[in-house]
């Protein structure tokens, strides 16, 4: 398993996850979770649910917008 994070500041109007007005800059943290092996949809959904309960995620949740992506690599 591998987790990649990226951060950027964008105008709120350019961020589909934001409900802020157009003149506001927002922080966007993108989280990409890569899993090697077999993972069905239910397991993927459970993994994303657990990722949202991570203490770091919960600490940041009140501020920046966090966008997660789950990538399953089948071998």
N, C-alpha and C. Protein backbone atom coordinates (compact mmCIF):
# COMPACT_ATOMS: atom_id res chain seq x y z
N UNK A 1 0.85 -1.16 0.00
CA UNK A 1 0.00 0.00 0.00
C UNK A 1 0.90 1.22 0.00
N UNK A 2 0.46 2.21 -0.73
CA UNK A 2 1.20 3.47 -0.84
C UNK A 2 0.20 4.62 -0.80
N UNK A 3 0.53 5.67 -0.09
CA UNK A 3 -0.33 6.85 -0.02
C UNK A 3 0.48 8.05 -0.50
N UNK A 4 -0.07 8.76 -1.47
CA UNK A 4 0.57 9.95 -2.01
C UNK A 4 -0.31 11.15 -1.71
N UNK A 5 0.30 12.24 -1.25
CA UNK A 5 -0.44 13.46 -0.96
C UNK A 5 0.13 14.59 -1.80
N UNK A 6 -0.75 15.47 -2.24
CA UNK A 6 -0.31 16.70 -2.89
C UNK A 6 -1.14 17.84 -2.33
N UNK A 7 -0.60 19.03 -2.39
CA UNK A 7 -1.27 20.20 -1.84
C UNK A 7 -1.20 21.33 -2.85
N UNK A 8 -2.28 22.07 -2.97
CA UNK A 8 -2.28 23.26 -3.80
C UNK A 8 -3.29 24.27 -3.25
N UNK A 9 -3.08 25.52 -3.61
CA UNK A 9 -4.04 26.58 -3.27
C UNK A 9 -4.68 27.00 -4.57
N UNK A 10 -5.99 26.97 -4.60
CA UNK A 10 -6.73 27.32 -5.81
C UNK A 10 -7.86 28.28 -5.46
N UNK A 11 -8.34 28.99 -6.47
CA UNK A 11 -9.54 29.81 -6.27
C UNK A 11 -10.71 28.87 -6.00
N UNK A 12 -11.56 29.24 -5.11
CA UNK A 12 -12.70 28.39 -4.74
C UNK A 12 -13.53 28.02 -5.96
N UNK A 13 -13.65 28.93 -6.92
CA UNK A 13 -14.46 28.64 -8.11
C UNK A 13 -13.86 27.51 -8.95
N UNK A 14 -12.54 27.25 -8.79
CA UNK A 14 -11.87 26.19 -9.55
C UNK A 14 -11.88 24.85 -8.84
N UNK A 15 -12.48 24.81 -7.66
CA UNK A 15 -12.48 23.59 -6.85
C UNK A 15 -13.90 23.09 -6.73
N UNK A 16 -14.22 22.00 -7.42
CA UNK A 16 -15.59 21.49 -7.40
C UNK A 16 -16.03 21.03 -6.02
N UNK A 17 -15.06 20.73 -5.12
CA UNK A 17 -15.40 20.27 -3.78
C UNK A 17 -15.70 21.43 -2.83
N UNK A 18 -15.50 22.68 -3.28
CA UNK A 18 -15.66 23.83 -2.40
C UNK A 18 -16.99 24.52 -2.62
N UNK A 19 -17.53 25.03 -1.53
CA UNK A 19 -18.76 25.81 -1.60
C UNK A 19 -18.48 27.28 -1.28
N UNK A 20 -17.19 27.66 -1.23
CA UNK A 20 -16.79 29.03 -0.92
C UNK A 20 -17.09 29.94 -2.12
N UNK A 21 -17.02 31.27 -1.88
CA UNK A 21 -17.26 32.18 -3.00
C UNK A 21 -16.04 32.27 -3.91
N UNK A 22 -16.22 32.88 -5.07
CA UNK A 22 -15.21 32.88 -6.13
C UNK A 22 -13.90 33.57 -5.79
N UNK A 23 -13.89 34.52 -4.87
CA UNK A 23 -12.70 35.31 -4.61
C UNK A 23 -11.84 34.73 -3.50
N UNK A 24 -12.23 33.63 -2.97
CA UNK A 24 -11.52 33.01 -1.85
C UNK A 24 -10.55 31.95 -2.38
N UNK A 25 -9.36 31.93 -1.79
CA UNK A 25 -8.40 30.86 -2.11
C UNK A 25 -8.61 29.75 -1.08
N UNK A 26 -8.58 28.51 -1.54
CA UNK A 26 -8.74 27.37 -0.64
C UNK A 26 -7.57 26.41 -0.81
N UNK A 27 -7.24 25.72 0.28
CA UNK A 27 -6.22 24.68 0.23
C UNK A 27 -6.89 23.40 -0.20
N UNK A 28 -6.26 22.69 -1.14
CA UNK A 28 -6.76 21.39 -1.57
C UNK A 28 -5.65 20.37 -1.35
N UNK A 29 -5.94 19.35 -0.57
CA UNK A 29 -5.02 18.24 -0.37
C UNK A 29 -5.62 17.05 -1.09
N UNK A 30 -4.87 16.51 -2.03
CA UNK A 30 -5.32 15.33 -2.75
C UNK A 30 -4.58 14.12 -2.20
N UNK A 31 -5.34 13.09 -1.86
CA UNK A 31 -4.77 11.86 -1.31
C UNK A 31 -5.05 10.75 -2.30
N UNK A 32 -4.00 10.10 -2.76
CA UNK A 32 -4.12 8.98 -3.68
C UNK A 32 -3.62 7.74 -2.96
N UNK A 33 -4.50 6.77 -2.77
CA UNK A 33 -4.15 5.53 -2.08
C UNK A 33 -3.99 4.45 -3.14
N UNK A 34 -2.80 3.85 -3.20
CA UNK A 34 -2.51 2.80 -4.17
C UNK A 34 -2.39 1.49 -3.42
N UNK A 35 -3.17 0.51 -3.83
CA UNK A 35 -3.15 -0.81 -3.19
C UNK A 35 -2.75 -1.84 -4.24
N UNK A 36 -1.72 -2.61 -3.96
CA UNK A 36 -1.30 -3.69 -4.85
C UNK A 36 -2.02 -4.96 -4.43
N UNK A 37 -2.68 -5.61 -5.36
CA UNK A 37 -3.38 -6.86 -5.07
C UNK A 37 -4.86 -6.75 -5.36
N UNK A 38 -5.57 -7.76 -4.97
CA UNK A 38 -7.01 -7.81 -5.21
C UNK A 38 -7.75 -7.08 -4.09
N UNK A 39 -8.68 -6.24 -4.49
CA UNK A 39 -9.50 -5.49 -3.54
C UNK A 39 -10.85 -5.28 -4.20
N UNK A 40 -11.91 -5.80 -3.57
CA UNK A 40 -13.22 -5.61 -4.20
C UNK A 40 -13.79 -4.25 -3.80
N UNK A 41 -14.94 -3.88 -4.36
CA UNK A 41 -15.54 -2.57 -4.11
C UNK A 41 -15.84 -2.33 -2.64
N UNK A 42 -16.36 -3.33 -1.97
CA UNK A 42 -16.67 -3.19 -0.54
C UNK A 42 -15.41 -2.93 0.28
N UNK A 43 -14.35 -3.66 -0.04
CA UNK A 43 -13.09 -3.46 0.68
C UNK A 43 -12.52 -2.08 0.39
N UNK A 44 -12.64 -1.62 -0.86
CA UNK A 44 -12.18 -0.29 -1.22
C UNK A 44 -12.95 0.79 -0.48
N UNK A 45 -14.27 0.63 -0.41
CA UNK A 45 -15.10 1.60 0.31
C UNK A 45 -14.73 1.62 1.79
N UNK A 46 -14.48 0.46 2.36
CA UNK A 46 -14.10 0.36 3.78
C UNK A 46 -12.75 1.04 4.02
N UNK A 47 -11.81 0.84 3.08
CA UNK A 47 -10.49 1.46 3.20
C UNK A 47 -10.61 2.98 3.17
N UNK A 48 -11.41 3.51 2.26
CA UNK A 48 -11.60 4.96 2.19
C UNK A 48 -12.29 5.49 3.46
N UNK A 49 -13.23 4.73 4.00
CA UNK A 49 -13.90 5.13 5.24
C UNK A 49 -12.90 5.18 6.40
N UNK A 50 -12.01 4.20 6.46
CA UNK A 50 -10.98 4.19 7.51
C UNK A 50 -10.01 5.35 7.32
N UNK A 51 -9.66 5.66 6.08
CA UNK A 51 -8.74 6.76 5.80
C UNK A 51 -9.32 8.08 6.30
N UNK A 52 -10.63 8.23 6.21
CA UNK A 52 -11.27 9.46 6.68
C UNK A 52 -11.26 9.57 8.20
N UNK A 53 -11.04 8.45 8.88
CA UNK A 53 -10.99 8.46 10.35
C UNK A 53 -9.57 8.65 10.88
N UNK A 54 -8.60 8.76 9.99
CA UNK A 54 -7.20 8.98 10.36
C UNK A 54 -7.10 10.27 11.17
N UNK A 55 -6.31 10.27 12.25
CA UNK A 55 -6.19 11.48 13.08
C UNK A 55 -5.72 12.71 12.30
N UNK A 56 -4.81 12.53 11.36
CA UNK A 56 -4.33 13.66 10.57
C UNK A 56 -5.46 14.20 9.70
N UNK A 57 -6.20 13.30 9.05
CA UNK A 57 -7.33 13.72 8.22
C UNK A 57 -8.33 14.50 9.06
N UNK A 58 -8.65 13.98 10.21
CA UNK A 58 -9.65 14.63 11.08
C UNK A 58 -9.15 15.99 11.56
N UNK A 59 -7.84 16.13 11.79
CA UNK A 59 -7.28 17.41 12.22
C UNK A 59 -7.38 18.45 11.11
N UNK A 60 -7.14 18.03 9.90
CA UNK A 60 -7.15 18.95 8.76
C UNK A 60 -8.53 19.19 8.19
N UNK A 61 -9.46 18.32 8.50
CA UNK A 61 -10.79 18.37 7.89
C UNK A 61 -11.51 19.71 8.09
N UNK A 62 -11.29 20.33 9.19
CA UNK A 62 -11.96 21.60 9.45
C UNK A 62 -11.42 22.74 8.60
N UNK A 63 -10.24 22.57 8.00
CA UNK A 63 -9.63 23.63 7.21
C UNK A 63 -9.67 23.34 5.73
N UNK A 64 -8.63 22.72 5.20
CA UNK A 64 -8.57 22.50 3.76
C UNK A 64 -9.54 21.44 3.27
N UNK A 65 -9.81 21.48 1.98
CA UNK A 65 -10.60 20.44 1.35
C UNK A 65 -9.68 19.26 1.04
N UNK A 66 -10.12 18.04 1.36
CA UNK A 66 -9.32 16.85 1.11
C UNK A 66 -10.02 16.01 0.07
N UNK A 67 -9.30 15.68 -1.00
CA UNK A 67 -9.85 14.87 -2.08
C UNK A 67 -9.07 13.55 -2.10
N UNK A 68 -9.78 12.43 -1.98
CA UNK A 68 -9.13 11.12 -1.94
C UNK A 68 -9.41 10.35 -3.21
N UNK A 69 -8.44 9.55 -3.61
CA UNK A 69 -8.59 8.67 -4.75
C UNK A 69 -8.01 7.32 -4.36
N UNK A 70 -8.71 6.26 -4.64
CA UNK A 70 -8.24 4.91 -4.38
C UNK A 70 -7.87 4.27 -5.70
N UNK A 71 -6.63 3.80 -5.79
CA UNK A 71 -6.16 3.14 -7.00
C UNK A 71 -5.76 1.72 -6.62
N UNK A 72 -6.38 0.74 -7.25
CA UNK A 72 -6.10 -0.67 -6.98
C UNK A 72 -5.28 -1.21 -8.15
N UNK A 73 -4.09 -1.73 -7.85
CA UNK A 73 -3.23 -2.31 -8.86
C UNK A 73 -3.33 -3.82 -8.73
N UNK A 74 -3.87 -4.46 -9.72
CA UNK A 74 -4.04 -5.91 -9.69
C UNK A 74 -2.83 -6.56 -10.32
N UNK A 75 -2.30 -7.55 -9.63
CA UNK A 75 -1.10 -8.26 -10.13
C UNK A 75 -1.46 -9.65 -10.58
